[in-house]
Amino acid sequence: MTPEEAAWVREHAWMGQLQREYAALPGVTHTCTCQFGPTGHCGVGQHDQCQSTAWEPKPETYVTDGKGSVRYFADPREPARVWLAPTACGWLCPCGCHRPAVADWAPTRIEQPALF
């Protein structure tokens, strides 16, 4: 998607709350999970309180209805997640004080049902 197409989507398809969030913190809505920086705890030197010690895949977003409620596929316990690529991205605090071995946080292949 080009920047112009993304701007059109933000203007015409995003609901008011998402538009306000983007206006306040644009990086949150277009930064990939793997690009997040250190946790707040590590950022202020409180490494022992960091909760990000295990990599887990994070979806880009969730499918929602017109009111912003998360929708579900066939299993009512599994929200309808949206992945940008067949390899899931995830976030792990980049601080070296608790980083696991690379094998513990390798990308995961995701099977996404067709959305349309």
PDB file of N, CA and C in Angstrom:
ATOM      1  N   MET A   1       0.853  -1.166   0.000  1.00  0.00           N
ATOM      2  CA  MET A   1       0.000   0.000   0.000  1.00  0.00           C
ATOM      3  C   MET A   1       0.904   1.236   0.000  1.00  0.00           C
ATOM      4  N   THR A   2       0.588   2.155  -0.860  1.00  0.00           N
ATOM      5  CA  THR A   2       1.379   3.383  -0.924  1.00  0.00           C
ATOM      6  C   THR A   2       0.988   4.316   0.224  1.00  0.00           C
ATOM      7  N   PRO A   3       1.827   5.291   0.546  1.00  0.00           N
ATOM      8  CA  PRO A   3       1.451   6.260   1.586  1.00  0.00           C
ATOM      9  C   PRO A   3       0.152   7.002   1.253  1.00  0.00           C
ATOM     10  N   GLU A   4      -0.073   7.275  -0.031  1.00  0.00           N
ATOM     11  CA  GLU A   4      -1.308   7.963  -0.430  1.00  0.00           C
ATOM     12  C   GLU A   4      -2.524   7.080  -0.197  1.00  0.00           C
ATOM     13  N   GLU A   5      -2.399   5.791  -0.527  1.00  0.00           N
ATOM     14  CA  GLU A   5      -3.502   4.858  -0.300  1.00  0.00           C
ATOM     15  C   GLU A   5      -3.776   4.712   1.205  1.00  0.00           C
ATOM     16  N   ALA A   6      -2.721   4.652   1.995  1.00  0.00           N
ATOM     17  CA  ALA A   6      -2.888   4.550   3.446  1.00  0.00           C
ATOM     18  C   ALA A   6      -3.599   5.782   3.995  1.00  0.00           C
ATOM     19  N   ALA A   7      -3.236   6.952   3.491  1.00  0.00           N
ATOM     20  CA  ALA A   7      -3.895   8.183   3.939  1.00  0.00           C
ATOM     21  C   ALA A   7      -5.379   8.148   3.588  1.00  0.00           C
ATOM     22  N   TRP A   8      -5.717   7.636   2.401  1.00  0.00           N
ATOM     23  CA  TRP A   8      -7.118   7.533   1.997  1.00  0.00           C
ATOM     24  C   TRP A   8      -7.867   6.595   2.950  1.00  0.00           C
ATOM     25  N   VAL A   9      -7.263   5.457   3.281  1.00  0.00           N
ATOM     26  CA  VAL A   9      -7.901   4.510   4.201  1.00  0.00           C
ATOM     27  C   VAL A   9      -8.122   5.163   5.562  1.00  0.00           C
ATOM     28  N   ARG A  10      -7.107   5.863   6.066  1.00  0.00           N
ATOM     29  CA  ARG A  10      -7.266   6.538   7.369  1.00  0.00           C
ATOM     30  C   ARG A  10      -8.408   7.545   7.327  1.00  0.00           C
ATOM     31  N   GLU A  11      -8.518   8.266   6.230  1.00  0.00           N
ATOM     32  CA  GLU A  11      -9.542   9.308   6.138  1.00  0.00           C
ATOM     33  C   GLU A  11     -10.946   8.756   5.925  1.00  0.00           C
ATOM     34  N   HIS A  12     -11.073   7.699   5.123  1.00  0.00           N
ATOM     35  CA  HIS A  12     -12.399   7.222   4.729  1.00  0.00           C
ATOM     36  C   HIS A  12     -12.882   5.944   5.419  1.00  0.00           C
ATOM     37  N   ALA A  13     -11.963   5.124   5.920  1.00  0.00           N
ATOM     38  CA  ALA A  13     -12.383   3.837   6.476  1.00  0.00           C
ATOM     39  C   ALA A  13     -12.221   3.744   7.995  1.00  0.00           C
ATOM     40  N   TRP A  14     -11.295   4.488   8.553  1.00  0.00           N
ATOM     41  CA  TRP A  14     -11.087   4.400   9.995  1.00  0.00           C
ATOM     42  C   TRP A  14     -12.202   5.106  10.745  1.00  0.00           C
ATOM     43  N   MET A  15     -12.606   4.507  11.848  1.00  0.00           N
ATOM     44  CA  MET A  15     -13.610   5.121  12.698  1.00  0.00           C
ATOM     45  C   MET A  15     -12.964   6.236  13.519  1.00  0.00           C
ATOM     46  N   GLY A  16     -13.784   7.103  14.090  1.00  0.00           N
ATOM     47  CA  GLY A  16     -13.317   8.281  14.802  1.00  0.00           C
ATOM     48  C   GLY A  16     -12.271   8.015  15.867  1.00  0.00           C
ATOM     49  N   GLN A  17     -12.474   6.968  16.694  1.00  0.00           N
ATOM     50  CA  GLN A  17     -11.532   6.685  17.776  1.00  0.00           C
ATOM     51  C   GLN A  17     -10.151   6.349  17.211  1.00  0.00           C
ATOM     52  N   LEU A  18     -10.099   5.539  16.173  1.00  0.00           N
ATOM     53  CA  LEU A  18      -8.812   5.182  15.583  1.00  0.00           C
ATOM     54  C   LEU A  18      -8.147   6.413  14.960  1.00  0.00           C
ATOM     55  N   GLN A  19      -8.935   7.280  14.339  1.00  0.00           N
ATOM     56  CA  GLN A  19      -8.377   8.513  13.784  1.00  0.00           C
ATOM     57  C   GLN A  19      -7.778   9.386  14.883  1.00  0.00           C
ATOM     58  N   ARG A  20      -8.463   9.468  16.030  1.00  0.00           N
ATOM     59  CA  ARG A  20      -7.939  10.266  17.148  1.00  0.00           C
ATOM     60  C   ARG A  20      -6.669   9.647  17.715  1.00  0.00           C
ATOM     61  N   GLU A  21      -6.633   8.327  17.832  1.00  0.00           N
ATOM     62  CA  GLU A  21      -5.431   7.653  18.334  1.00  0.00           C
ATOM     63  C   GLU A  21      -4.259   7.874  17.380  1.00  0.00           C
ATOM     64  N   TYR A  22      -4.517   7.792  16.084  1.00  0.00           N
ATOM     65  CA  TYR A  22      -3.454   8.005  15.102  1.00  0.00           C
ATOM     66  C   TYR A  22      -2.939   9.441  15.174  1.00  0.00           C
ATOM     67  N   ALA A  23      -3.847  10.386  15.341  1.00  0.00           N
ATOM     68  CA  ALA A  23      -3.432  11.791  15.430  1.00  0.00           C
ATOM     69  C   ALA A  23      -2.560  12.021  16.667  1.00  0.00           C
ATOM     70  N   ALA A  24      -2.878  11.324  17.763  1.00  0.00           N
ATOM     71  CA  ALA A  24      -2.122  11.494  19.002  1.00  0.00           C
ATOM     72  C   ALA A  24      -0.795  10.741  18.987  1.00  0.00           C
ATOM     73  N   LEU A  25      -0.798   9.524  18.460  1.00  0.00           N
ATOM     74  CA  LEU A  25       0.392   8.668  18.450  1.00  0.00           C
ATOM     75  C   LEU A  25       0.511   7.930  17.126  1.00  0.00           C
ATOM     76  N   PRO A  26       0.907   8.586  16.048  1.00  0.00           N
ATOM     77  CA  PRO A  26       0.931   7.932  14.741  1.00  0.00           C
ATOM     78  C   PRO A  26       1.844   6.712  14.663  1.00  0.00           C
ATOM     79  N   GLY A  27       2.918   6.673  15.399  1.00  0.00           N
ATOM     80  CA  GLY A  27       3.836   5.540  15.337  1.00  0.00           C
ATOM     81  C   GLY A  27       3.227   4.240  15.810  1.00  0.00           C
ATOM     82  N   VAL A  28       2.267   4.322  16.726  1.00  0.00           N
ATOM     83  CA  VAL A  28       1.651   3.112  17.265  1.00  0.00           C
ATOM     84  C   VAL A  28       0.855   2.379  16.190  1.00  0.00           C
ATOM     85  N   THR A  29       0.213   3.112  15.302  1.00  0.00           N
ATOM     86  CA  THR A  29      -0.640   2.471  14.311  1.00  0.00           C
ATOM     87  C   THR A  29       0.091   2.038  13.048  1.00  0.00           C
ATOM     88  N   HIS A  30       1.339   2.450  12.860  1.00  0.00           N
ATOM     89  CA  HIS A  30       2.032   1.989  11.663  1.00  0.00           C
ATOM     90  C   HIS A  30       3.452   1.520  11.927  1.00  0.00           C
ATOM     91  N   THR A  31       3.718   1.111  13.150  1.00  0.00           N
ATOM     92  CA  THR A  31       4.997   0.514  13.494  1.00  0.00           C
ATOM     93  C   THR A  31       4.779  -0.973  13.690  1.00  0.00           C
ATOM     94  N   CYS A  32       5.599  -1.775  13.047  1.00  0.00           N
ATOM     95  CA  CYS A  32       5.494  -3.218  13.203  1.00  0.00           C
ATOM     96  C   CYS A  32       5.892  -3.595  14.626  1.00  0.00           C
ATOM     97  N   THR A  33       5.264  -4.609  15.145  1.00  0.00           N
ATOM     98  CA  THR A  33       5.527  -5.050  16.503  1.00  0.00           C
ATOM     99  C   THR A  33       7.008  -5.295  16.758  1.00  0.00           C
ATOM    100  N   CYS A  34       7.716  -5.845  15.774  1.00  0.00           N
ATOM    101  CA  CYS A  34       9.129  -6.154  15.982  1.00  0.00           C
ATOM    102  C   CYS A  34       9.984  -4.890  16.074  1.00  0.00           C
ATOM    103  N   GLN A  35       9.421  -3.722  15.786  1.00  0.00           N
ATOM    104  CA  GLN A  35      10.165  -2.468  15.839  1.00  0.00           C
ATOM    105  C   GLN A  35       9.960  -1.712  17.150  1.00  0.00           C
ATOM    106  N   PHE A  36       9.145  -2.248  18.042  1.00  0.00           N
ATOM    107  CA  PHE A  36       8.952  -1.587  19.331  1.00  0.00           C
ATOM    108  C   PHE A  36      10.276  -1.578  20.084  1.00  0.00           C
ATOM    109  N   GLY A  37      10.495  -0.581  20.880  1.00  0.00           N
ATOM    110  CA  GLY A  37      11.718  -0.470  21.658  1.00  0.00           C
ATOM    111  C   GLY A  37      11.626  -1.226  22.973  1.00  0.00           C
ATOM    112  N   PRO A  38      12.470  -0.867  23.924  1.00  0.00           N
ATOM    113  CA  PRO A  38      12.458  -1.555  25.219  1.00  0.00           C
ATOM    114  C   PRO A  38      11.192  -1.241  26.017  1.00  0.00           C
ATOM    115  N   THR A  39      10.918  -2.094  26.968  1.00  0.00           N
ATOM    116  CA  THR A  39       9.773  -1.852  27.844  1.00  0.00           C
ATOM    117  C   THR A  39      10.033  -0.593  28.659  1.00  0.00           C
ATOM    118  N   GLY A  40       8.988  -0.070  29.244  1.00  0.00           N
ATOM    119  CA  GLY A  40       9.142   1.098  30.100  1.00  0.00           C
ATOM    120  C   GLY A  40      10.055   0.822  31.285  1.00  0.00           C
ATOM    121  N   HIS A  41       9.939  -0.393  31.837  1.00  0.00           N
ATOM    122  CA  HIS A  41      10.798  -0.741  32.968  1.00  0.00           C
ATOM    123  C   HIS A  41      12.274  -0.729  32.571  1.00  0.00           C
ATOM    124  N   CYS A  42      12.603  -1.375  31.467  1.00  0.00           N
ATOM    125  CA  CYS A  42      14.006  -1.404  31.038  1.00  0.00           C
ATOM    126  C   CYS A  42      14.468  -0.006  30.635  1.00  0.00           C
ATOM    127  N   GLY A  43      13.565   0.780  30.098  1.00  0.00           N
ATOM    128  CA  GLY A  43      13.914   2.133  29.690  1.00  0.00           C
ATOM    129  C   GLY A  43      14.360   3.013  30.847  1.00  0.00           C
ATOM    130  N   VAL A  44      13.923   2.665  32.052  1.00  0.00           N
ATOM    131  CA  VAL A  44      14.328   3.455  33.232  1.00  0.00           C
ATOM    132  C   VAL A  44      15.237   2.647  34.160  1.00  0.00           C
ATOM    133  N   GLY A  45      15.799   1.543  33.643  1.00  0.00           N
ATOM    134  CA  GLY A  45      16.773   0.770  34.412  1.00  0.00           C
ATOM    135  C   GLY A  45      16.199  -0.236  35.392  1.00  0.00           C
ATOM    136  N   GLN A  46      14.891  -0.494  35.356  1.00  0.00           N
ATOM    137  CA  GLN A  46      14.269  -1.463  36.266  1.00  0.00           C
ATOM    138  C   GLN A  46      14.124  -2.812  35.565  1.00  0.00           C
ATOM    139  N   HIS A  47      15.257  -3.379  35.160  1.00  0.00           N
ATOM    140  CA  HIS A  47      15.261  -4.603  34.358  1.00  0.00           C
ATOM    141  C   HIS A  47      14.604  -5.784  35.076  1.00  0.00           C
ATOM    142  N   ASP A  48      14.677  -5.834  36.387  1.00  0.00           N
ATOM    143  CA  ASP A  48      14.093  -6.947  37.127  1.00  0.00           C
ATOM    144  C   ASP A  48      12.562  -6.955  37.058  1.00  0.00           C
ATOM    145  N   GLN A  49      11.938  -5.863  36.621  1.00  0.00           N
ATOM    146  CA  GLN A  49      10.483  -5.783  36.540  1.00  0.00           C
ATOM    147  C   GLN A  49       9.958  -5.974  35.113  1.00  0.00           C
ATOM    148  N   CYS A  50      10.847  -6.167  34.156  1.00  0.00           N
ATOM    149  CA  CYS A  50      10.438  -6.339  32.758  1.00  0.00           C
ATOM    150  C   CYS A  50       9.638  -7.629  32.600  1.00  0.00           C
ATOM    151  N   GLN A  51       8.501  -7.525  31.932  1.00  0.00           N
ATOM    152  CA  GLN A  51       7.627  -8.682  31.701  1.00  0.00           C
ATOM    153  C   GLN A  51       7.833  -9.315  30.335  1.00  0.00           C
ATOM    154  N   SER A  52       8.682  -8.714  29.510  1.00  0.00           N
ATOM    155  CA  SER A  52       8.875  -9.196  28.144  1.00  0.00           C
ATOM    156  C   SER A  52      10.071 -10.134  28.078  1.00  0.00           C
ATOM    157  N   THR A  53       9.876 -11.362  28.518  1.00  0.00           N
ATOM    158  CA  THR A  53      10.977 -12.323  28.515  1.00  0.00           C
ATOM    159  C   THR A  53      10.741 -13.492  27.572  1.00  0.00           C
ATOM    160  N   ALA A  54       9.586 -13.539  26.921  1.00  0.00           N
ATOM    161  CA  ALA A  54       9.283 -14.627  25.991  1.00  0.00           C
ATOM    162  C   ALA A  54       8.663 -14.053  24.727  1.00  0.00           C
ATOM    163  N   TRP A  55       9.215 -14.405  23.588  1.00  0.00           N
ATOM    164  CA  TRP A  55       8.692 -13.927  22.310  1.00  0.00           C
ATOM    165  C   TRP A  55       7.388 -14.639  22.024  1.00  0.00           C
ATOM    166  N   GLU A  56       6.400 -13.896  21.596  1.00  0.00           N
ATOM    167  CA  GLU A  56       5.161 -14.504  21.124  1.00  0.00           C
ATOM    168  C   GLU A  56       4.668 -13.703  19.934  1.00  0.00           C
ATOM    169  N   PRO A  57       4.114 -14.396  18.938  1.00  0.00           N
ATOM    170  CA  PRO A  57       3.654 -13.683  17.741  1.00  0.00           C
ATOM    171  C   PRO A  57       2.517 -12.731  18.078  1.00  0.00           C
ATOM    172  N   LYS A  58       2.533 -11.568  17.445  1.00  0.00           N
ATOM    173  CA  LYS A  58       1.497 -10.563  17.652  1.00  0.00           C
ATOM    174  C   LYS A  58       0.857 -10.240  16.305  1.00  0.00           C
ATOM    175  N   PRO A  59      -0.468 -10.243  16.224  1.00  0.00           N
ATOM    176  CA  PRO A  59      -1.115  -9.889  14.970  1.00  0.00           C
ATOM    177  C   PRO A  59      -0.980  -8.396  14.696  1.00  0.00           C
ATOM    178  N   GLU A  60      -1.175  -8.020  13.458  1.00  0.00           N
ATOM    179  CA  GLU A  60      -1.150  -6.604  13.100  1.00  0.00           C
ATOM    180  C   GLU A  60      -2.341  -5.890  13.733  1.00  0.00           C
ATOM    181  N   THR A  61      -3.488  -6.554  13.688  1.00  0.00           N
ATOM    182  CA  THR A  61      -4.704  -5.978  14.274  1.00  0.00           C
ATOM    183  C   THR A  61      -5.732  -7.091  14.401  1.00  0.00           C
ATOM    184  N   TYR A  62      -6.940  -6.727  14.756  1.00  0.00           N
ATOM    185  CA  TYR A  62      -8.047  -7.667  14.878  1.00  0.00           C
ATOM    186  C   TYR A  62      -9.203  -7.185  14.013  1.00  0.00           C
ATOM    187  N   VAL A  63     -10.014  -8.119  13.535  1.00  0.00           N
ATOM    188  CA  VAL A  63     -11.215  -7.772  12.788  1.00  0.00           C
ATOM    189  C   VAL A  63     -12.250  -7.295  13.807  1.00  0.00           C
ATOM    190  N   THR A  64     -12.836  -6.132  13.537  1.00  0.00           N
ATOM    191  CA  THR A  64     -13.836  -5.576  14.455  1.00  0.00           C
ATOM    192  C   THR A  64     -15.134  -5.283  13.706  1.00  0.00           C
ATOM    193  N   ASP A  65     -16.192  -5.103  14.480  1.00  0.00           N
ATOM    194  CA  ASP A  65     -17.459  -4.711  13.875  1.00  0.00           C
ATOM    195  C   ASP A  65     -17.550  -3.189  13.850  1.00  0.00           C
ATOM    196  N   GLY A  66     -18.690  -2.653  13.454  1.00  0.00           N
ATOM    197  CA  GLY A  66     -18.868  -1.210  13.332  1.00  0.00           C
ATOM    198  C   GLY A  66     -18.740  -0.445  14.635  1.00  0.00           C
ATOM    199  N   LYS A  67     -18.860  -1.150  15.758  1.00  0.00           N
ATOM    200  CA  LYS A  67     -18.725  -0.497  17.063  1.00  0.00           C
ATOM    201  C   LYS A  67     -17.332  -0.655  17.656  1.00  0.00           C
ATOM    202  N   GLY A  68     -16.445  -1.348  16.926  1.00  0.00           N
ATOM    203  CA  GLY A  68     -15.086  -1.539  17.405  1.00  0.00           C
ATOM    204  C   GLY A  68     -14.890  -2.790  18.249  1.00  0.00           C
ATOM    205  N   SER A  69     -15.911  -3.635  18.357  1.00  0.00           N
ATOM    206  CA  SER A  69     -15.783  -4.877  19.126  1.00  0.00           C
ATOM    207  C   SER A  69     -15.077  -5.933  18.284  1.00  0.00           C
ATOM    208  N   VAL A  70     -14.179  -6.668  18.901  1.00  0.00           N
ATOM    209  CA  VAL A  70     -13.438  -7.713  18.191  1.00  0.00           C
ATOM    210  C   VAL A  70     -14.381  -8.831  17.790  1.00  0.00           C
ATOM    211  N   ARG A  71     -14.249  -9.270  16.556  1.00  0.00           N
ATOM    212  CA  ARG A  71     -15.067 -10.360  16.026  1.00  0.00           C
ATOM    213  C   ARG A  71     -14.304 -11.673  16.153  1.00  0.00           C
ATOM    214  N   TYR A  72     -15.021 -12.786  16.007  1.00  0.00           N
ATOM    215  CA  TYR A  72     -14.437 -14.113  16.150  1.00  0.00           C
ATOM    216  C   TYR A  72     -14.752 -14.943  14.926  1.00  0.00           C
ATOM    217  N   PHE A  73     -13.843 -15.884  14.603  1.00  0.00           N
ATOM    218  CA  PHE A  73     -14.127 -16.855  13.558  1.00  0.00           C
ATOM    219  C   PHE A  73     -14.945 -17.969  14.207  1.00  0.00           C
ATOM    220  N   ALA A  74     -14.847 -19.180  13.728  1.00  0.00           N
ATOM    221  CA  ALA A  74     -15.684 -20.278  14.221  1.00  0.00           C
ATOM    222  C   ALA A  74     -15.524 -20.545  15.716  1.00  0.00           C
ATOM    223  N   ASP A  75     -14.317 -20.439  16.248  1.00  0.00           N
ATOM    224  CA  ASP A  75     -14.072 -20.705  17.664  1.00  0.00           C
ATOM    225  C   ASP A  75     -14.292 -19.427  18.473  1.00  0.00           C
ATOM    226  N   PRO A  76     -15.264 -19.405  19.367  1.00  0.00           N
ATOM    227  CA  PRO A  76     -15.553 -18.179  20.121  1.00  0.00           C
ATOM    228  C   PRO A  76     -14.435 -17.752  21.074  1.00  0.00           C
ATOM    229  N   ARG A  77     -13.430 -18.601  21.257  1.00  0.00           N
ATOM    230  CA  ARG A  77     -12.303 -18.233  22.117  1.00  0.00           C
ATOM    231  C   ARG A  77     -11.140 -17.654  21.315  1.00  0.00           C
ATOM    232  N   GLU A  78     -11.238 -17.679  19.994  1.00  0.00           N
ATOM    233  CA  GLU A  78     -10.151 -17.209  19.135  1.00  0.00           C
ATOM    234  C   GLU A  78     -10.583 -15.973  18.359  1.00  0.00           C
ATOM    235  N   PRO A  79     -10.096 -14.797  18.731  1.00  0.00           N
ATOM    236  CA  PRO A  79     -10.467 -13.591  17.994  1.00  0.00           C
ATOM    237  C   PRO A  79      -9.932 -13.632  16.572  1.00  0.00           C
ATOM    238  N   ALA A  80     -10.601 -12.922  15.687  1.00  0.00           N
ATOM    239  CA  ALA A  80     -10.202 -12.863  14.276  1.00  0.00           C
ATOM    240  C   ALA A  80      -8.999 -11.936  14.154  1.00  0.00           C
ATOM    241  N   ARG A  81      -7.831 -12.523  14.054  1.00  0.00           N
ATOM    242  CA  ARG A  81      -6.588 -11.762  13.957  1.00  0.00           C
ATOM    243  C   ARG A  81      -6.230 -11.503  12.504  1.00  0.00           C
ATOM    244  N   VAL A  82      -5.508 -10.421  12.250  1.00  0.00           N
ATOM    245  CA  VAL A  82      -5.039 -10.093  10.908  1.00  0.00           C
ATOM    246  C   VAL A  82      -3.518 -10.091  10.937  1.00  0.00           C
ATOM    247  N   TRP A  83      -2.926 -10.899  10.066  1.00  0.00           N
ATOM    248  CA  TRP A  83      -1.476 -10.995   9.946  1.00  0.00           C
ATOM    249  C   TRP A  83      -1.074 -10.388   8.610  1.00  0.00           C
ATOM    250  N   LEU A  84       0.002  -9.638   8.562  1.00  0.00           N
ATOM    251  CA  LEU A  84       0.427  -8.999   7.320  1.00  0.00           C
ATOM    252  C   LEU A  84       1.194  -9.929   6.394  1.00  0.00           C
ATOM    253  N   ALA A  85       1.750 -10.963   6.913  1.00  0.00           N
ATOM    254  CA  ALA A  85       2.556 -11.875   6.110  1.00  0.00           C
ATOM    255  C   ALA A  85       2.392 -13.275   6.688  1.00  0.00           C
ATOM    256  N   PRO A  86       2.796 -14.288   5.932  1.00  0.00           N
ATOM    257  CA  PRO A  86       2.663 -15.645   6.464  1.00  0.00           C
ATOM    258  C   PRO A  86       3.626 -15.941   7.613  1.00  0.00           C
ATOM    259  N   THR A  87       4.592 -15.074   7.857  1.00  0.00           N
ATOM    260  CA  THR A  87       5.485 -15.240   8.999  1.00  0.00           C
ATOM    261  C   THR A  87       5.122 -14.191  10.037  1.00  0.00           C
ATOM    262  N   ALA A  88       4.736 -14.639  11.205  1.00  0.00           N
ATOM    263  CA  ALA A  88       4.294 -13.722  12.248  1.00  0.00           C
ATOM    264  C   ALA A  88       5.447 -12.892  12.783  1.00  0.00           C
ATOM    265  N   CYS A  89       5.125 -11.678  13.102  1.00  0.00           N
ATOM    266  CA  CYS A  89       6.075 -10.799  13.748  1.00  0.00           C
ATOM    267  C   CYS A  89       5.743 -10.789  15.230  1.00  0.00           C
ATOM    268  N   GLY A  90       6.672 -10.398  16.032  1.00  0.00           N
ATOM    269  CA  GLY A  90       6.416 -10.357  17.460  1.00  0.00           C
ATOM    270  C   GLY A  90       7.327  -9.353  18.119  1.00  0.00           C
ATOM    271  N   TRP A  91       7.131  -9.169  19.380  1.00  0.00           N
ATOM    272  CA  TRP A  91       7.938  -8.209  20.112  1.00  0.00           C
ATOM    273  C   TRP A  91       8.559  -8.874  21.314  1.00  0.00           C
ATOM    274  N   LEU A  92       9.816  -8.556  21.525  1.00  0.00           N
ATOM    275  CA  LEU A  92      10.548  -8.973  22.697  1.00  0.00           C
ATOM    276  C   LEU A  92      11.423  -7.796  23.065  1.00  0.00           C
ATOM    277  N   CYS A  93      11.412  -7.397  24.299  1.00  0.00           N
ATOM    278  CA  CYS A  93      12.212  -6.251  24.722  1.00  0.00           C
ATOM    279  C   CYS A  93      13.647  -6.444  24.227  1.00  0.00           C
ATOM    280  N   PRO A  94      14.194  -5.462  23.494  1.00  0.00           N
ATOM    281  CA  PRO A  94      15.529  -5.627  22.931  1.00  0.00           C
ATOM    282  C   PRO A  94      16.666  -5.475  23.942  1.00  0.00           C
ATOM    283  N   CYS A  95      16.333  -5.190  25.181  1.00  0.00           N
ATOM    284  CA  CYS A  95      17.356  -5.043  26.214  1.00  0.00           C
ATOM    285  C   CYS A  95      18.099  -6.375  26.372  1.00  0.00           C
ATOM    286  N   GLY A  96      19.379  -6.337  26.409  1.00  0.00           N
ATOM    287  CA  GLY A  96      20.179  -7.555  26.495  1.00  0.00           C
ATOM    288  C   GLY A  96      20.176  -8.220  27.860  1.00  0.00           C
ATOM    289  N   CYS A  97      19.537  -7.630  28.854  1.00  0.00           N
ATOM    290  CA  CYS A  97      19.617  -8.180  30.204  1.00  0.00           C
ATOM    291  C   CYS A  97      18.830  -9.480  30.379  1.00  0.00           C
ATOM    292  N   HIS A  98      17.943  -9.803  29.462  1.00  0.00           N
ATOM    293  CA  HIS A  98      17.130 -11.009  29.633  1.00  0.00           C
ATOM    294  C   HIS A  98      16.760 -11.659  28.307  1.00  0.00           C
ATOM    295  N   ARG A  99      17.493 -11.384  27.265  1.00  0.00           N
ATOM    296  CA  ARG A  99      17.176 -11.920  25.947  1.00  0.00           C
ATOM    297  C   ARG A  99      17.445 -13.423  25.888  1.00  0.00           C
ATOM    298  N   PRO A 100      16.451 -14.222  25.461  1.00  0.00           N
ATOM    299  CA  PRO A 100      16.659 -15.671  25.352  1.00  0.00           C
ATOM    300  C   PRO A 100      17.474 -16.016  24.102  1.00  0.00           C
ATOM    301  N   ALA A 101      17.798 -17.269  23.982  1.00  0.00           N
ATOM    302  CA  ALA A 101      18.512 -17.739  22.794  1.00  0.00           C
ATOM    303  C   ALA A 101      17.654 -17.510  21.561  1.00  0.00           C
ATOM    304  N   VAL A 102      18.279 -17.311  20.421  1.00  0.00           N
ATOM    305  CA  VAL A 102      17.551 -17.024  19.172  1.00  0.00           C
ATOM    306  C   VAL A 102      16.519 -18.103  18.869  1.00  0.00           C
ATOM    307  N   ALA A 103      16.838 -19.356  19.143  1.00  0.00           N
ATOM    308  CA  ALA A 103      15.902 -20.452  18.853  1.00  0.00           C
ATOM    309  C   ALA A 103      14.597 -20.295  19.624  1.00  0.00           C
ATOM    310  N   ASP A 104      14.627 -19.593  20.746  1.00  0.00           N
ATOM    311  CA  ASP A 104      13.419 -19.420  21.551  1.00  0.00           C
ATOM    312  C   ASP A 104      12.472 -18.364  21.007  1.00  0.00           C
ATOM    313  N   TRP A 105      12.918 -17.554  20.050  1.00  0.00           N
ATOM    314  CA  TRP A 105      12.023 -16.505  19.544  1.00  0.00           C
ATOM    315  C   TRP A 105      12.052 -16.389  18.026  1.00  0.00           C
ATOM    316  N   ALA A 106      12.259 -17.504  17.358  1.00  0.00           N
ATOM    317  CA  ALA A 106      12.262 -17.523  15.897  1.00  0.00           C
ATOM    318  C   ALA A 106      10.851 -17.244  15.369  1.00  0.00           C
ATOM    319  N   PRO A 107      10.749 -16.619  14.165  1.00  0.00           N
ATOM    320  CA  PRO A 107       9.427 -16.344  13.582  1.00  0.00           C
ATOM    321  C   PRO A 107       8.586 -17.605  13.430  1.00  0.00           C
ATOM    322  N   THR A 108       7.306 -17.430  13.495  1.00  0.00           N
ATOM    323  CA  THR A 108       6.345 -18.522  13.429  1.00  0.00           C
ATOM    324  C   THR A 108       5.527 -18.397  12.150  1.00  0.00           C
ATOM    325  N   ARG A 109       5.304 -19.508  11.465  1.00  0.00           N
ATOM    326  CA  ARG A 109       4.462 -19.489  10.262  1.00  0.00           C
ATOM    327  C   ARG A 109       2.999 -19.443  10.702  1.00  0.00           C
ATOM    328  N   ILE A 110       2.226 -18.542  10.112  1.00  0.00           N
ATOM    329  CA  ILE A 110       0.827 -18.340  10.474  1.00  0.00           C
ATOM    330  C   ILE A 110      -0.073 -18.745   9.308  1.00  0.00           C
ATOM    331  N   GLU A 111      -1.118 -19.460   9.608  1.00  0.00           N
ATOM    332  CA  GLU A 111      -2.146 -19.790   8.621  1.00  0.00           C
ATOM    333  C   GLU A 111      -3.338 -18.890   8.918  1.00  0.00           C
ATOM    334  N   GLN A 112      -3.643 -17.986   8.010  1.00  0.00           N
ATOM    335  CA  GLN A 112      -4.750 -17.049   8.224  1.00  0.00           C
ATOM    336  C   GLN A 112      -5.923 -17.423   7.337  1.00  0.00           C
ATOM    337  N   PRO A 113      -7.139 -17.533   7.913  1.00  0.00           N
ATOM    338  CA  PRO A 113      -8.306 -17.781   7.076  1.00  0.00           C
ATOM    339  C   PRO A 113      -8.538 -16.595   6.136  1.00  0.00           C
ATOM    340  N   ALA A 114      -9.167 -16.852   5.022  1.00  0.00           N
ATOM    341  CA  ALA A 114      -9.482 -15.774   4.087  1.00  0.00           C
ATOM    342  C   ALA A 114     -10.426 -14.778   4.751  1.00  0.00           C
ATOM    343  N   LEU A 115     -10.122 -13.506   4.620  1.00  0.00           N
ATOM    344  CA  LEU A 115     -10.981 -12.489   5.215  1.00  0.00           C
ATOM    345  C   LEU A 115     -12.124 -12.074   4.294  1.00  0.00           C
ATOM    346  N   PHE A 116     -11.909 -12.207   2.990  1.00  0.00           N
ATOM    347  CA  PHE A 116     -12.936 -11.787   2.047  1.00  0.00           C
ATOM    348  C   PHE A 116     -13.236 -12.875   1.054  1.00  0.00           C
TER     349      PHE A 116
END
